[in-house]
C-alpha atoms as a PDB file:
ATOM      1  CA  MET A   1     -24.101  17.814  -1.198  1.00  0.00           C
ATOM      2  CA  ILE A   2     -25.993  14.013  -0.429  1.00  0.00           C
ATOM      3  CA  ALA A   3     -29.492  13.289   0.140  1.00  0.00           C
ATOM      4  CA  ALA A   4     -30.374   9.136   0.368  1.00  0.00           C
ATOM      5  CA  GLU A   5     -33.966   7.924   1.137  1.00  0.00           C
ATOM      6  CA  SER A   6     -34.623   4.605   1.608  1.00  0.00           C
ATOM      7  CA  LEU A   7     -31.943   3.116  -0.994  1.00  0.00           C
ATOM      8  CA  SER A   8     -32.233  -0.778  -1.386  1.00  0.00           C
ATOM      9  CA  LYS A   9     -30.320  -3.104  -3.547  1.00  0.00           C
ATOM     10  CA  TYR A  10     -30.181  -6.602  -4.142  1.00  0.00           C
ATOM     11  CA  TYR A  11     -28.079  -9.424  -5.485  1.00  0.00           C
ATOM     12  CA  GLY A  12     -30.305 -12.114  -6.635  1.00  0.00           C
ATOM     13  CA  GLN A  13     -32.225 -13.191  -3.457  1.00  0.00           C
ATOM     14  CA  ARG A  14     -29.460 -11.467  -1.287  1.00  0.00           C
ATOM     15  CA  ARG A  15     -30.115  -7.995   0.060  1.00  0.00           C
ATOM     16  CA  ALA A  16     -27.172  -6.011  -0.051  1.00  0.00           C
ATOM     17  CA  LEU A  17     -28.750  -2.748   1.498  1.00  0.00           C
ATOM     18  CA  ASP A  18     -31.808  -2.129   2.802  1.00  0.00           C
ATOM     19  CA  ASP A  19     -33.988   1.192   3.294  1.00  0.00           C
ATOM     20  CA  VAL A  20     -30.954   3.246   3.945  1.00  0.00           C
ATOM     21  CA  SER A  21     -31.158   6.636   4.277  1.00  0.00           C
ATOM     22  CA  PHE A  22     -28.802   9.835   5.812  1.00  0.00           C
ATOM     23  CA  ARG A  23     -27.553  12.907   4.675  1.00  0.00           C
ATOM     24  CA  ILE A  24     -23.897  14.291   4.031  1.00  0.00           C
ATOM     25  CA  GLY A  25     -23.162  18.347   3.926  1.00  0.00           C
ATOM     26  CA  ARG A  26     -20.962  20.155   1.640  1.00  0.00           C
ATOM     27  CA  GLY A  27     -17.824  20.021   3.143  1.00  0.00           C
ATOM     28  CA  GLU A  28     -17.436  17.009   5.206  1.00  0.00           C
ATOM     29  CA  VAL A  29     -15.449  13.895   5.243  1.00  0.00           C
ATOM     30  CA  VAL A  30     -17.624  11.466   5.997  1.00  0.00           C
ATOM     31  CA  GLY A  31     -16.214   7.436   6.866  1.00  0.00           C
ATOM     32  CA  PHE A  32     -17.925   4.206   6.303  1.00  0.00           C
ATOM     33  CA  LEU A  33     -17.573   1.821   8.144  1.00  0.00           C
ATOM     34  CA  GLY A  34     -18.887  -2.034   9.111  1.00  0.00           C
ATOM     35  CA  PRO A  35     -17.899  -5.712   8.719  1.00  0.00           C
ATOM     36  CA  ASN A  36     -17.067  -7.353   5.491  1.00  0.00           C
ATOM     37  CA  GLY A  37     -20.474  -7.768   2.909  1.00  0.00           C
ATOM     38  CA  ALA A  38     -22.111  -4.858   4.936  1.00  0.00           C
ATOM     39  CA  GLY A  39     -22.813  -3.148   2.005  1.00  0.00           C
ATOM     40  CA  LYS A  40     -20.377  -0.673   1.934  1.00  0.00           C
ATOM     41  CA  THR A  41     -18.886  -1.151  -1.757  1.00  0.00           C
ATOM     42  CA  THR A  42     -22.616  -1.471  -2.651  1.00  0.00           C
ATOM     43  CA  LEU A  43     -23.517   2.248  -1.359  1.00  0.00           C
ATOM     44  CA  LEU A  44     -20.463   3.600  -2.855  1.00  0.00           C
ATOM     45  CA  LYS A  45     -21.001   2.005  -6.250  1.00  0.00           C
ATOM     46  CA  LEU A  46     -24.740   3.384  -6.068  1.00  0.00           C
ATOM     47  CA  LEU A  47     -23.635   6.338  -5.533  1.00  0.00           C
ATOM     48  CA  SER A  48     -21.138   6.870  -8.157  1.00  0.00           C
ATOM     49  CA  GLY A  49     -23.198   6.371 -10.505  1.00  0.00           C
ATOM     50  CA  VAL A  50     -21.427   2.493 -11.471  1.00  0.00           C
ATOM     51  CA  SER A  51     -24.803   0.719 -10.341  1.00  0.00           C
ATOM     52  CA  MET A  52     -28.346   1.725  -9.893  1.00  0.00           C
ATOM     53  CA  SER A  53     -30.550   0.762  -6.886  1.00  0.00           C
ATOM     54  CA  HIS A  54     -33.711  -1.479  -7.182  1.00  0.00           C
ATOM     55  CA  ALA A  55     -35.395   1.094  -4.424  1.00  0.00           C
ATOM     56  CA  GLY A  56     -35.472   4.401  -3.222  1.00  0.00           C
ATOM     57  CA  ASP A  57     -32.767   7.430  -4.584  1.00  0.00           C
ATOM     58  CA  PHE A  58     -30.226  10.038  -4.090  1.00  0.00           C
ATOM     59  CA  CYS A  59     -29.943  13.516  -4.670  1.00  0.00           C
ATOM     60  CA  ILE A  60     -26.221  14.998  -5.236  1.00  0.00           C
ATOM     61  CA  ASP A  61     -25.856  19.144  -5.275  1.00  0.00           C
ATOM     62  CA  GLY A  62     -29.972  18.733  -5.878  1.00  0.00           C
ATOM     63  CA  TYR A  63     -29.844  16.022  -8.547  1.00  0.00           C
ATOM     64  CA  SER A  64     -31.824  13.032  -8.626  1.00  0.00           C
ATOM     65  CA  SER A  65     -29.783   9.871  -9.786  1.00  0.00           C
ATOM     66  CA  ARG A  66     -33.097   8.460 -11.214  1.00  0.00           C
ATOM     67  CA  ARG A  67     -34.275  12.167 -13.197  1.00  0.00           C
ATOM     68  CA  GLN A  68     -30.941  13.335 -13.990  1.00  0.00           C
ATOM     69  CA  PRO A  69     -28.108  10.478 -13.898  1.00  0.00           C
ATOM     70  CA  LEU A  70     -25.980  12.071 -16.315  1.00  0.00           C
ATOM     71  CA  GLU A  71     -25.645  15.250 -14.185  1.00  0.00           C
ATOM     72  CA  VAL A  72     -25.353  12.850 -10.778  1.00  0.00           C
ATOM     73  CA  ARG A  73     -22.196  11.637 -12.523  1.00  0.00           C
ATOM     74  CA  ARG A  74     -20.674  14.912 -13.611  1.00  0.00           C
ATOM     75  CA  ARG A  75     -20.528  16.046 -10.018  1.00  0.00           C
ATOM     76  CA  VAL A  76     -19.089  12.488  -8.786  1.00  0.00           C
ATOM     77  CA  GLY A  77     -15.561  11.815  -8.787  1.00  0.00           C
ATOM     78  CA  PHE A  78     -15.166   7.753  -7.709  1.00  0.00           C
ATOM     79  CA  LEU A  79     -11.529   5.844  -6.651  1.00  0.00           C
ATOM     80  CA  PRO A  80     -12.671   2.069  -6.448  1.00  0.00           C
ATOM     81  CA  ASP A  81     -10.176   0.119  -4.014  1.00  0.00           C
ATOM     82  CA  ARG A  82      -8.284  -0.715  -7.202  1.00  0.00           C
ATOM     83  CA  PRO A  83      -7.397   2.313  -9.189  1.00  0.00           C
ATOM     84  CA  PRO A  84      -8.399   1.822 -12.656  1.00  0.00           C
ATOM     85  CA  LEU A  85      -4.707   2.623 -13.993  1.00  0.00           C
ATOM     86  CA  TYR A  86      -3.153   1.431 -17.691  1.00  0.00           C
ATOM     87  CA  ASP A  87       0.459   0.270 -16.691  1.00  0.00           C
ATOM     88  CA  ASP A  88       1.887   1.682 -19.838  1.00  0.00           C
ATOM     89  CA  MET A  89       0.885   4.863 -20.148  1.00  0.00           C
ATOM     90  CA  ARG A  90       2.985   8.089 -18.658  1.00  0.00           C
ATOM     91  CA  VAL A  91       0.887   9.428 -15.043  1.00  0.00           C
ATOM     92  CA  GLY A  92       0.763  12.374 -17.215  1.00  0.00           C
ATOM     93  CA  ALA A  93      -0.877  10.874 -20.198  1.00  0.00           C
ATOM     94  CA  MET A  94      -3.142   8.945 -17.747  1.00  0.00           C
ATOM     95  CA  LEU A  95      -4.546  11.843 -16.492  1.00  0.00           C
ATOM     96  CA  ARG A  96      -5.069  13.744 -19.822  1.00  0.00           C
ATOM     97  CA  PHE A  97      -6.902  10.639 -20.883  1.00  0.00           C
ATOM     98  CA  ALA A  98      -9.088  11.303 -17.707  1.00  0.00           C
ATOM     99  CA  ALA A  99      -9.700  14.859 -18.782  1.00  0.00           C
ATOM    100  CA  GLU A 100     -10.925  13.894 -21.802  1.00  0.00           C
ATOM    101  CA  LEU A 101     -13.279  11.269 -21.031  1.00  0.00           C
ATOM    102  CA  ARG A 102     -14.768  13.316 -18.301  1.00  0.00           C
ATOM    103  CA  GLY A 103     -15.287  16.167 -21.341  1.00  0.00           C
ATOM    104  CA  LEU A 104     -12.693  18.564 -20.419  1.00  0.00           C
ATOM    105  CA  GLN A 105     -11.079  20.419 -23.851  1.00  0.00           C
ATOM    106  CA  GLY A 106      -7.976  22.064 -25.142  1.00  0.00           C
ATOM    107  CA  THR A 107      -6.694  24.214 -22.255  1.00  0.00           C
ATOM    108  CA  ALA A 108      -8.967  23.138 -19.604  1.00  0.00           C
ATOM    109  CA  VAL A 109      -7.181  20.062 -19.859  1.00  0.00           C
ATOM    110  CA  THR A 110      -4.041  21.503 -19.507  1.00  0.00           C
ATOM    111  CA  GLU A 111      -4.722  23.513 -16.362  1.00  0.00           C
ATOM    112  CA  ARG A 112      -6.661  20.790 -14.656  1.00  0.00           C
ATOM    113  CA  VAL A 113      -3.778  18.026 -15.037  1.00  0.00           C
ATOM    114  CA  ALA A 114      -1.434  20.664 -14.187  1.00  0.00           C
ATOM    115  CA  LYS A 115      -3.486  21.383 -10.679  1.00  0.00           C
ATOM    116  CA  VAL A 116      -4.322  17.521  -9.303  1.00  0.00           C
ATOM    117  CA  VAL A 117      -0.428  16.860 -10.263  1.00  0.00           C
ATOM    118  CA  GLN A 118       0.793  19.390  -7.824  1.00  0.00           C
ATOM    119  CA  GLN A 119      -2.558  18.986  -5.386  1.00  0.00           C
ATOM    120  CA  CYS A 120      -1.460  14.934  -5.140  1.00  0.00           C
ATOM    121  CA  GLY A 121       2.527  15.275  -5.173  1.00  0.00           C
ATOM    122  CA  LEU A 122       2.817  13.607  -8.828  1.00  0.00           C
ATOM    123  CA  SER A 123       4.949  16.336 -10.559  1.00  0.00           C
ATOM    124  CA  GLU A 124       8.147  13.827  -9.667  1.00  0.00           C
ATOM    125  CA  VAL A 125       6.418  10.942 -11.422  1.00  0.00           C
ATOM    126  CA  GLN A 126       4.069  12.888 -14.307  1.00  0.00           C
ATOM    127  CA  GLU A 127       6.666  11.627 -17.229  1.00  0.00           C
ATOM    128  CA  ASP A 128       7.502   8.097 -15.182  1.00  0.00           C
ATOM    129  CA  LEU A 129       5.416   5.351 -16.491  1.00  0.00           C
ATOM    130  CA  VAL A 130       2.494   4.041 -14.318  1.00  0.00           C
ATOM    131  CA  ARG A 131       4.026   0.352 -14.242  1.00  0.00           C
ATOM    132  CA  TRP A 132       6.680   1.938 -12.308  1.00  0.00           C
ATOM    133  CA  LEU A 133       5.114   3.446  -9.844  1.00  0.00           C
ATOM    134  CA  SER A 134       4.869   2.636  -6.195  1.00  0.00           C
ATOM    135  CA  HIS A 135       1.401   2.209  -4.363  1.00  0.00           C
ATOM    136  CA  GLY A 136       1.030   4.548  -2.521  1.00  0.00           C
ATOM    137  CA  TYR A 137       1.488   6.567  -5.904  1.00  0.00           C
ATOM    138  CA  ARG A 138      -0.334   4.603  -8.016  1.00  0.00           C
ATOM    139  CA  GLN A 139      -3.476   5.501  -5.143  1.00  0.00           C
ATOM    140  CA  ARG A 140      -2.583   9.002  -5.447  1.00  0.00           C
ATOM    141  CA  VAL A 141      -2.349   8.767  -9.441  1.00  0.00           C
ATOM    142  CA  GLY A 142      -6.359   7.331  -8.475  1.00  0.00           C
ATOM    143  CA  ILE A 143      -7.463   9.825  -6.739  1.00  0.00           C
ATOM    144  CA  ALA A 144      -6.045  12.440  -9.182  1.00  0.00           C
ATOM    145  CA  MET A 145      -8.122  11.324 -12.139  1.00  0.00           C
ATOM    146  CA  ALA A 146     -11.171  11.081  -9.567  1.00  0.00           C
ATOM    147  CA  ILE A 147     -10.796  14.839  -9.360  1.00  0.00           C
ATOM    148  CA  VAL A 148      -9.545  16.280 -12.902  1.00  0.00           C
ATOM    149  CA  HIS A 149     -12.848  17.094 -13.596  1.00  0.00           C
ATOM    150  CA  ALA A 150     -13.150  19.340 -10.157  1.00  0.00           C
ATOM    151  CA  PRO A 151     -16.458  17.154  -8.832  1.00  0.00           C
ATOM    152  CA  ALA A 152     -18.252  18.787  -5.851  1.00  0.00           C
ATOM    153  CA  LEU A 153     -18.336  14.736  -4.170  1.00  0.00           C
ATOM    154  CA  LEU A 154     -15.375  12.796  -4.141  1.00  0.00           C
ATOM    155  CA  ILE A 155     -15.821   9.365  -2.518  1.00  0.00           C
ATOM    156  CA  LEU A 156     -12.703   7.020  -2.119  1.00  0.00           C
ATOM    157  CA  ASP A 157     -13.214   3.134  -1.518  1.00  0.00           C
ATOM    158  CA  GLU A 158     -10.551   1.656   0.928  1.00  0.00           C
ATOM    159  CA  PRO A 159      -8.185   4.531  -0.143  1.00  0.00           C
ATOM    160  CA  ILE A 160      -5.295   3.593   2.239  1.00  0.00           C
ATOM    161  CA  ASN A 161      -5.732  -0.354   2.069  1.00  0.00           C
ATOM    162  CA  GLY A 162      -2.465  -1.717   1.661  1.00  0.00           C
ATOM    163  CA  LEU A 163       0.042   1.591   2.518  1.00  0.00           C
ATOM    164  CA  ASP A 164       2.770   1.682   5.027  1.00  0.00           C
ATOM    165  CA  PRO A 165       2.867   3.795   7.885  1.00  0.00           C
ATOM    166  CA  GLN A 166       4.534   7.199   6.163  1.00  0.00           C
ATOM    167  CA  GLN A 167       1.911   6.674   3.424  1.00  0.00           C
ATOM    168  CA  ILE A 168      -1.100   6.255   5.193  1.00  0.00           C
ATOM    169  CA  ARG A 169      -0.144   9.846   7.057  1.00  0.00           C
ATOM    170  CA  GLN A 170       0.525  11.508   3.825  1.00  0.00           C
ATOM    171  CA  MET A 171      -2.955  10.012   2.518  1.00  0.00           C
ATOM    172  CA  ARG A 172      -4.528  11.204   5.491  1.00  0.00           C
ATOM    173  CA  GLU A 173      -3.183  14.882   4.748  1.00  0.00           C
ATOM    174  CA  LEU A 174      -4.040  14.442   1.342  1.00  0.00           C
ATOM    175  CA  ILE A 175      -7.685  13.923   2.085  1.00  0.00           C
ATOM    176  CA  ARG A 176      -7.897  16.893   4.698  1.00  0.00           C
ATOM    177  CA  THR A 177      -6.581  19.084   1.999  1.00  0.00           C
ATOM    178  CA  LEU A 178      -9.196  17.801  -1.123  1.00  0.00           C
ATOM    179  CA  ALA A 179     -11.747  18.128   1.525  1.00  0.00           C
ATOM    180  CA  GLN A 180     -11.288  22.167   1.133  1.00  0.00           C
ATOM    181  CA  GLU A 181     -12.997  21.962  -2.262  1.00  0.00           C
ATOM    182  CA  HIS A 182     -14.538  18.701  -2.394  1.00  0.00           C
ATOM    183  CA  THR A 183     -17.272  16.636   0.295  1.00  0.00           C
ATOM    184  CA  VAL A 184     -15.254  13.449   1.137  1.00  0.00           C
ATOM    185  CA  LEU A 185     -17.094  10.030   1.794  1.00  0.00           C
ATOM    186  CA  LEU A 186     -14.912   7.133   2.176  1.00  0.00           C
ATOM    187  CA  SER A 187     -15.352   3.300   3.406  1.00  0.00           C
ATOM    188  CA  SER A 188     -12.159   1.858   5.428  1.00  0.00           C
ATOM    189  CA  HIS A 189     -11.142  -1.405   7.426  1.00  0.00           C
ATOM    190  CA  ILE A 190      -8.981   0.592   9.329  1.00  0.00           C
ATOM    191  CA  LEU A 191     -10.400   2.489  12.674  1.00  0.00           C
ATOM    192  CA  ALA A 192      -7.809   4.258  13.656  1.00  0.00           C
ATOM    193  CA  GLU A 193      -7.739   6.134  10.596  1.00  0.00           C
ATOM    194  CA  VAL A 194     -11.149   7.055  10.039  1.00  0.00           C
ATOM    195  CA  GLU A 195     -11.022   8.653  13.676  1.00  0.00           C
ATOM    196  CA  HIS A 196      -8.142  10.471  12.237  1.00  0.00           C
ATOM    197  CA  THR A 197     -10.194  11.675   9.320  1.00  0.00           C
ATOM    198  CA  CYS A 198     -13.218  11.663   9.092  1.00  0.00           C
ATOM    199  CA  ASP A 199     -15.492  14.277  10.687  1.00  0.00           C
ATOM    200  CA  ARG A 200     -18.758  12.186  10.881  1.00  0.00           C
ATOM    201  CA  LEU A 201     -19.234   7.915  10.770  1.00  0.00           C
ATOM    202  CA  LEU A 202     -21.916   6.342   8.744  1.00  0.00           C
ATOM    203  CA  ILE A 203     -22.119   2.417  10.136  1.00  0.00           C
ATOM    204  CA  LEU A 204     -23.615  -0.341   8.248  1.00  0.00           C
ATOM    205  CA  ASN A 205     -24.140  -3.358   9.442  1.00  0.00           C
ATOM    206  CA  ARG A 206     -25.850  -6.463   7.066  1.00  0.00           C
ATOM    207  CA  GLY A 207     -27.148  -3.491   4.516  1.00  0.00           C
ATOM    208  CA  ARG A 208     -28.695  -1.395   6.825  1.00  0.00           C
ATOM    209  CA  LEU A 209     -27.696   2.023   8.402  1.00  0.00           C
ATOM    210  CA  VAL A 210     -27.536   1.355  11.968  1.00  0.00           C
ATOM    211  CA  ALA A 211     -25.799   4.412  13.498  1.00  0.00           C
ATOM    212  CA  GLN A 212     -24.765   7.634  12.208  1.00  0.00           C
ATOM    213  CA  GLY A 213     -22.976  10.761  13.762  1.00  0.00           C
ATOM    214  CA  ARG A 214     -19.722  11.923  15.057  1.00  0.00           C
ATOM    215  CA  GLU A 215     -18.021   9.699  17.440  1.00  0.00           C
ATOM    216  CA  ALA A 216     -18.228  10.908  20.787  1.00  0.00           C
ATOM    217  CA  ASN A 217     -22.342  10.764  20.298  1.00  0.00           C
ATOM    218  CA  LEU A 218     -22.564   7.512  18.909  1.00  0.00           C
ATOM    219  CA  ARG A 219     -20.697   6.623  22.299  1.00  0.00           C
ATOM    220  CA  GLN A 220     -23.445   8.270  23.674  1.00  0.00           C
ATOM    221  CA  GLN A 221     -26.194   6.551  21.800  1.00  0.00           C
ATOM    222  CA  LEU A 222     -24.407   3.290  22.859  1.00  0.00           C
ATOM    223  CA  ARG A 223     -24.199   3.323  26.370  1.00  0.00           C
ATOM    224  CA  PRO A 224     -26.588   6.362  27.162  1.00  0.00           C
ATOM    225  CA  ASP A 225     -26.629   5.737  30.906  1.00  0.00           C
ATOM    226  CA  GLY A 226     -23.166   4.602  31.270  1.00  0.00           C
ATOM    227  CA  PHE A 227     -21.085   6.813  34.255  1.00  0.00           C
ATOM    228  CA  THR A 228     -17.346   6.295  35.864  1.00  0.00           C
ATOM    229  CA  LEU A 229     -17.446   6.330  39.768  1.00  0.00           C
ATOM    230  CA  ARG A 230     -13.854   6.640  41.274  1.00  0.00           C
ATOM    231  CA  GLY A 231     -13.689   6.243  44.643  1.00  0.00           C
ATOM    232  CA  GLN A 232     -11.213   5.220  47.615  1.00  0.00           C
ATOM    233  CA  GLY A 233     -10.884   1.457  49.060  1.00  0.00           C
ATOM    234  CA  GLY A 234     -10.852  -2.604  48.149  1.00  0.00           C
ATOM    235  CA  VAL A 235     -11.147  -3.088  44.646  1.00  0.00           C
ATOM    236  CA  GLU A 236     -13.071  -6.116  45.169  1.00  0.00           C
ATOM    237  CA  GLN A 237     -15.057  -5.096  48.465  1.00  0.00           C
ATOM    238  CA  ALA A 238     -16.151  -2.456  45.896  1.00  0.00           C
ATOM    239  CA  ALA A 239     -16.516  -5.127  43.129  1.00  0.00           C
ATOM    240  CA  ILE A 240     -18.733  -7.256  45.879  1.00  0.00           C
ATOM    241  CA  VAL A 241     -21.108  -4.029  46.521  1.00  0.00           C
ATOM    242  CA  ALA A 242     -21.447  -3.333  42.940  1.00  0.00           C
ATOM    243  CA  GLN A 243     -22.628  -6.365  41.666  1.00  0.00           C
ATOM    244  CA  SER A 244     -25.185  -7.099  44.189  1.00  0.00           C
ATOM    245  CA  LEU A 245     -27.071  -3.913  43.587  1.00  0.00           C
ATOM    246  CA  PRO A 246     -30.424  -4.212  41.048  1.00  0.00           C
ATOM    247  CA  GLY A 247     -30.212  -1.758  38.193  1.00  0.00           C
ATOM    248  CA  LEU A 248     -26.629  -1.477  37.104  1.00  0.00           C
ATOM    249  CA  ARG A 249     -25.331  -3.875  34.424  1.00  0.00           C
ATOM    250  CA  ASP A 250     -21.827  -4.077  32.746  1.00  0.00           C
ATOM    251  CA  VAL A 251     -19.767  -3.340  35.936  1.00  0.00           C
ATOM    252  CA  GLN A 252     -16.244  -3.295  35.710  1.00  0.00           C
ATOM    253  CA  VAL A 253     -13.763  -2.744  38.704  1.00  0.00           C
ATOM    254  CA  ARG A 254     -10.471  -1.575  38.686  1.00  0.00           C
ATOM    255  CA  ALA A 255      -7.507  -0.570  40.879  1.00  0.00           C
ATOM    256  CA  LEU A 256      -5.807   2.764  40.286  1.00  0.00           C
ATOM    257  CA  ASP A 257      -3.213   2.472  43.233  1.00  0.00           C
ATOM    258  CA  SER A 258      -3.272   0.276  46.038  1.00  0.00           C
ATOM    259  CA  ALA A 259      -6.137   2.618  47.785  1.00  0.00           C
ATOM    260  CA  ARG A 260      -8.515   3.770  45.163  1.00  0.00           C
ATOM    261  CA  PHE A 261     -10.620   1.989  42.749  1.00  0.00           C
ATOM    262  CA  GLU A 262     -12.541   3.083  39.181  1.00  0.00           C
ATOM    263  CA  LEU A 263     -16.157   1.647  38.678  1.00  0.00           C
ATOM    264  CA  LEU A 264     -17.647   1.337  35.282  1.00  0.00           C
ATOM    265  CA  ALA A 265     -21.115   0.465  35.040  1.00  0.00           C
ATOM    266  CA  CYS A 266     -24.510   1.391  33.352  1.00  0.00           C
ATOM    267  CA  GLY A 267     -27.623   2.104  35.310  1.00  0.00           C
ATOM    268  CA  SER A 268     -30.186   5.308  35.539  1.00  0.00           C
ATOM    269  CA  LEU A 269     -29.619   7.783  38.257  1.00  0.00           C
ATOM    270  CA  ALA A 270     -31.261   6.091  40.620  1.00  0.00           C
ATOM    271  CA  ALA A 271     -29.199   3.157  40.384  1.00  0.00           C
ATOM    272  CA  ARG A 272     -26.545   5.750  40.694  1.00  0.00           C
ATOM    273  CA  SER A 273     -27.365   7.083  43.949  1.00  0.00           C
ATOM    274  CA  THR A 274     -28.240   3.624  45.625  1.00  0.00           C
ATOM    275  CA  LEU A 275     -24.463   2.676  44.438  1.00  0.00           C
ATOM    276  CA  VAL A 276     -23.066   5.539  46.101  1.00  0.00           C
ATOM    277  CA  THR A 277     -25.272   5.079  49.420  1.00  0.00           C
ATOM    278  CA  ALA A 278     -24.046   1.388  49.583  1.00  0.00           C
ATOM    279  CA  LEU A 279     -20.505   2.263  48.686  1.00  0.00           C
ATOM    280  CA  VAL A 280     -20.289   4.824  51.878  1.00  0.00           C
ATOM    281  CA  GLN A 281     -22.435   2.283  54.337  1.00  0.00           C
ATOM    282  CA  HIS A 282     -19.433  -0.408  53.591  1.00  0.00           C
ATOM    283  CA  ASN A 283     -16.992   2.517  54.075  1.00  0.00           C
ATOM    284  CA  LEU A 284     -15.944   3.231  50.417  1.00  0.00           C
ATOM    285  CA  GLY A 285     -15.279   6.317  49.583  1.00  0.00           C
ATOM    286  CA  VAL A 286     -16.801   8.084  47.035  1.00  0.00           C
ATOM    287  CA  GLU A 287     -14.508  10.657  45.263  1.00  0.00           C
ATOM    288  CA  GLN A 288     -16.101  11.446  41.618  1.00  0.00           C
ATOM    289  CA  LEU A 289     -19.020  10.451  39.613  1.00  0.00           C
ATOM    290  CA  ALA A 290     -19.365  11.011  36.246  1.00  0.00           C
ATOM    291  CA  PRO A 291     -21.222  10.527  32.787  1.00  0.00           C
ATOM    292  CA  ARG A 292     -18.756   8.076  31.197  1.00  0.00           C
ATOM    293  CA  GLN A 293     -16.735   9.428  27.710  1.00  0.00           C
ATOM    294  CA  GLY A 294     -14.135   6.986  27.494  1.00  0.00           C
ATOM    295  CA  GLY A 295     -14.234   4.038  25.230  1.00  0.00           C
ATOM    296  CA  ASP A 296     -12.366   3.506  21.583  1.00  0.00           C
ATOM    297  CA  LEU A 297     -13.410   3.359  18.306  1.00  0.00           C
ATOM    298  CA  GLU A 298     -12.969  -0.400  17.937  1.00  0.00           C
ATOM    299  CA  ALA A 299     -15.340  -0.791  21.352  1.00  0.00           C
ATOM    300  CA  LEU A 300     -18.154   1.352  19.815  1.00  0.00           C
ATOM    301  CA  PHE A 301     -17.508  -0.613  16.354  1.00  0.00           C
ATOM    302  CA  LEU A 302     -17.845  -3.876  17.534  1.00  0.00           C
ATOM    303  CA  GLY A 303     -20.954  -2.922  20.026  1.00  0.00           C
ATOM    304  CA  LEU A 304     -23.008  -1.542  16.865  1.00  0.00           C
ATOM    305  CA  THR A 305     -22.068  -4.368  14.581  1.00  0.00           C
ATOM    306  CA  GLU A 306     -21.645  -7.730  16.467  1.00  0.00           C
ATOM    307  CA  VAL A 307     -24.949  -8.091  17.302  1.00  0.00           C
ATOM    308  CA  PRO A 308     -26.813  -8.171  13.355  1.00  0.00           C
ATOM    309  CA  PRO A 309     -30.166  -7.184  13.057  1.00  0.00           C
ATOM    310  CA  SER A 310     -32.935  -9.485  12.756  1.00  0.00           C
ATOM    311  CA  THR A 311     -33.137 -10.898   9.152  1.00  0.00           C
ATOM    312  CA  GLY A 312     -35.634 -10.341   6.390  1.00  0.00           C
ATOM    313  CA  PRO A 313     -37.263 -12.105   3.655  1.00  0.00           C
ATOM    314  CA  GLY A 314     -34.369 -13.042   1.453  1.00  0.00           C
ATOM    315  CA  GLU A 315     -31.242 -13.144   3.809  1.00  0.00           C
ATOM    316  CA  SER A 316     -29.618 -15.406   5.236  1.00  0.00           C
END
């Protein structure tokens, strides 16, 4: 659905995006993550046609943003972080207006508006003024406007920002439902929601794409030599033994109960073998040794973004 090649964007001398390339398949729900200023919104604006890149190109559904920009825009629905709504219009009229702006005419307008009202759960409010709507309903109207022309790609910038827990759950369900008909690309600061909603992650830092893939694969990329060891004996003695060995790093030891411990560390296969031998020599039992699978999305995110890439020309 999306093929982006070497996208770069500047604001004056500041480099907002730096040589960003990625692929997104049809029907995927993909999340963009990154700290403030990472370039997420800039990238979404490029993909939606709101602004143009200074270098590079991308294709949506086979159409080039530089050679066929209007065809690209026809295939994209975009919900910015603040839905572009007119407070004095009624919901149904707002959606019909959006459909006509997208080139729909006659019965096509009526049919598409009826469908998005049903999809987005707007039946009860379609005769209400937009100004009367709660924040959650305003987000739903914004999404309905973005999909009223049946785009191949739906782009959502912070769609759950400001929603309460119940609204977040409803929005999560709506996004998964929309993914049956649209490829969905979203950005969010709420890591747990990205984890629940998205099939795959793209992580930006200081305008550069620092990682992409499924969460489990990203964890493995971040700590490919991480492992967990469970054993029998005292926690303090196990920590002393492990911390004295070369080849191990990021050693953490905690008690599982009064007679058992768990040790987390990173190291090569040879270092792990040396650790097992040393523990046994100190009368500590070894029950299990396995590659590390744990860690949450927050730890992954911090690990990939807390050390910024080296600065290039024009960056501060």
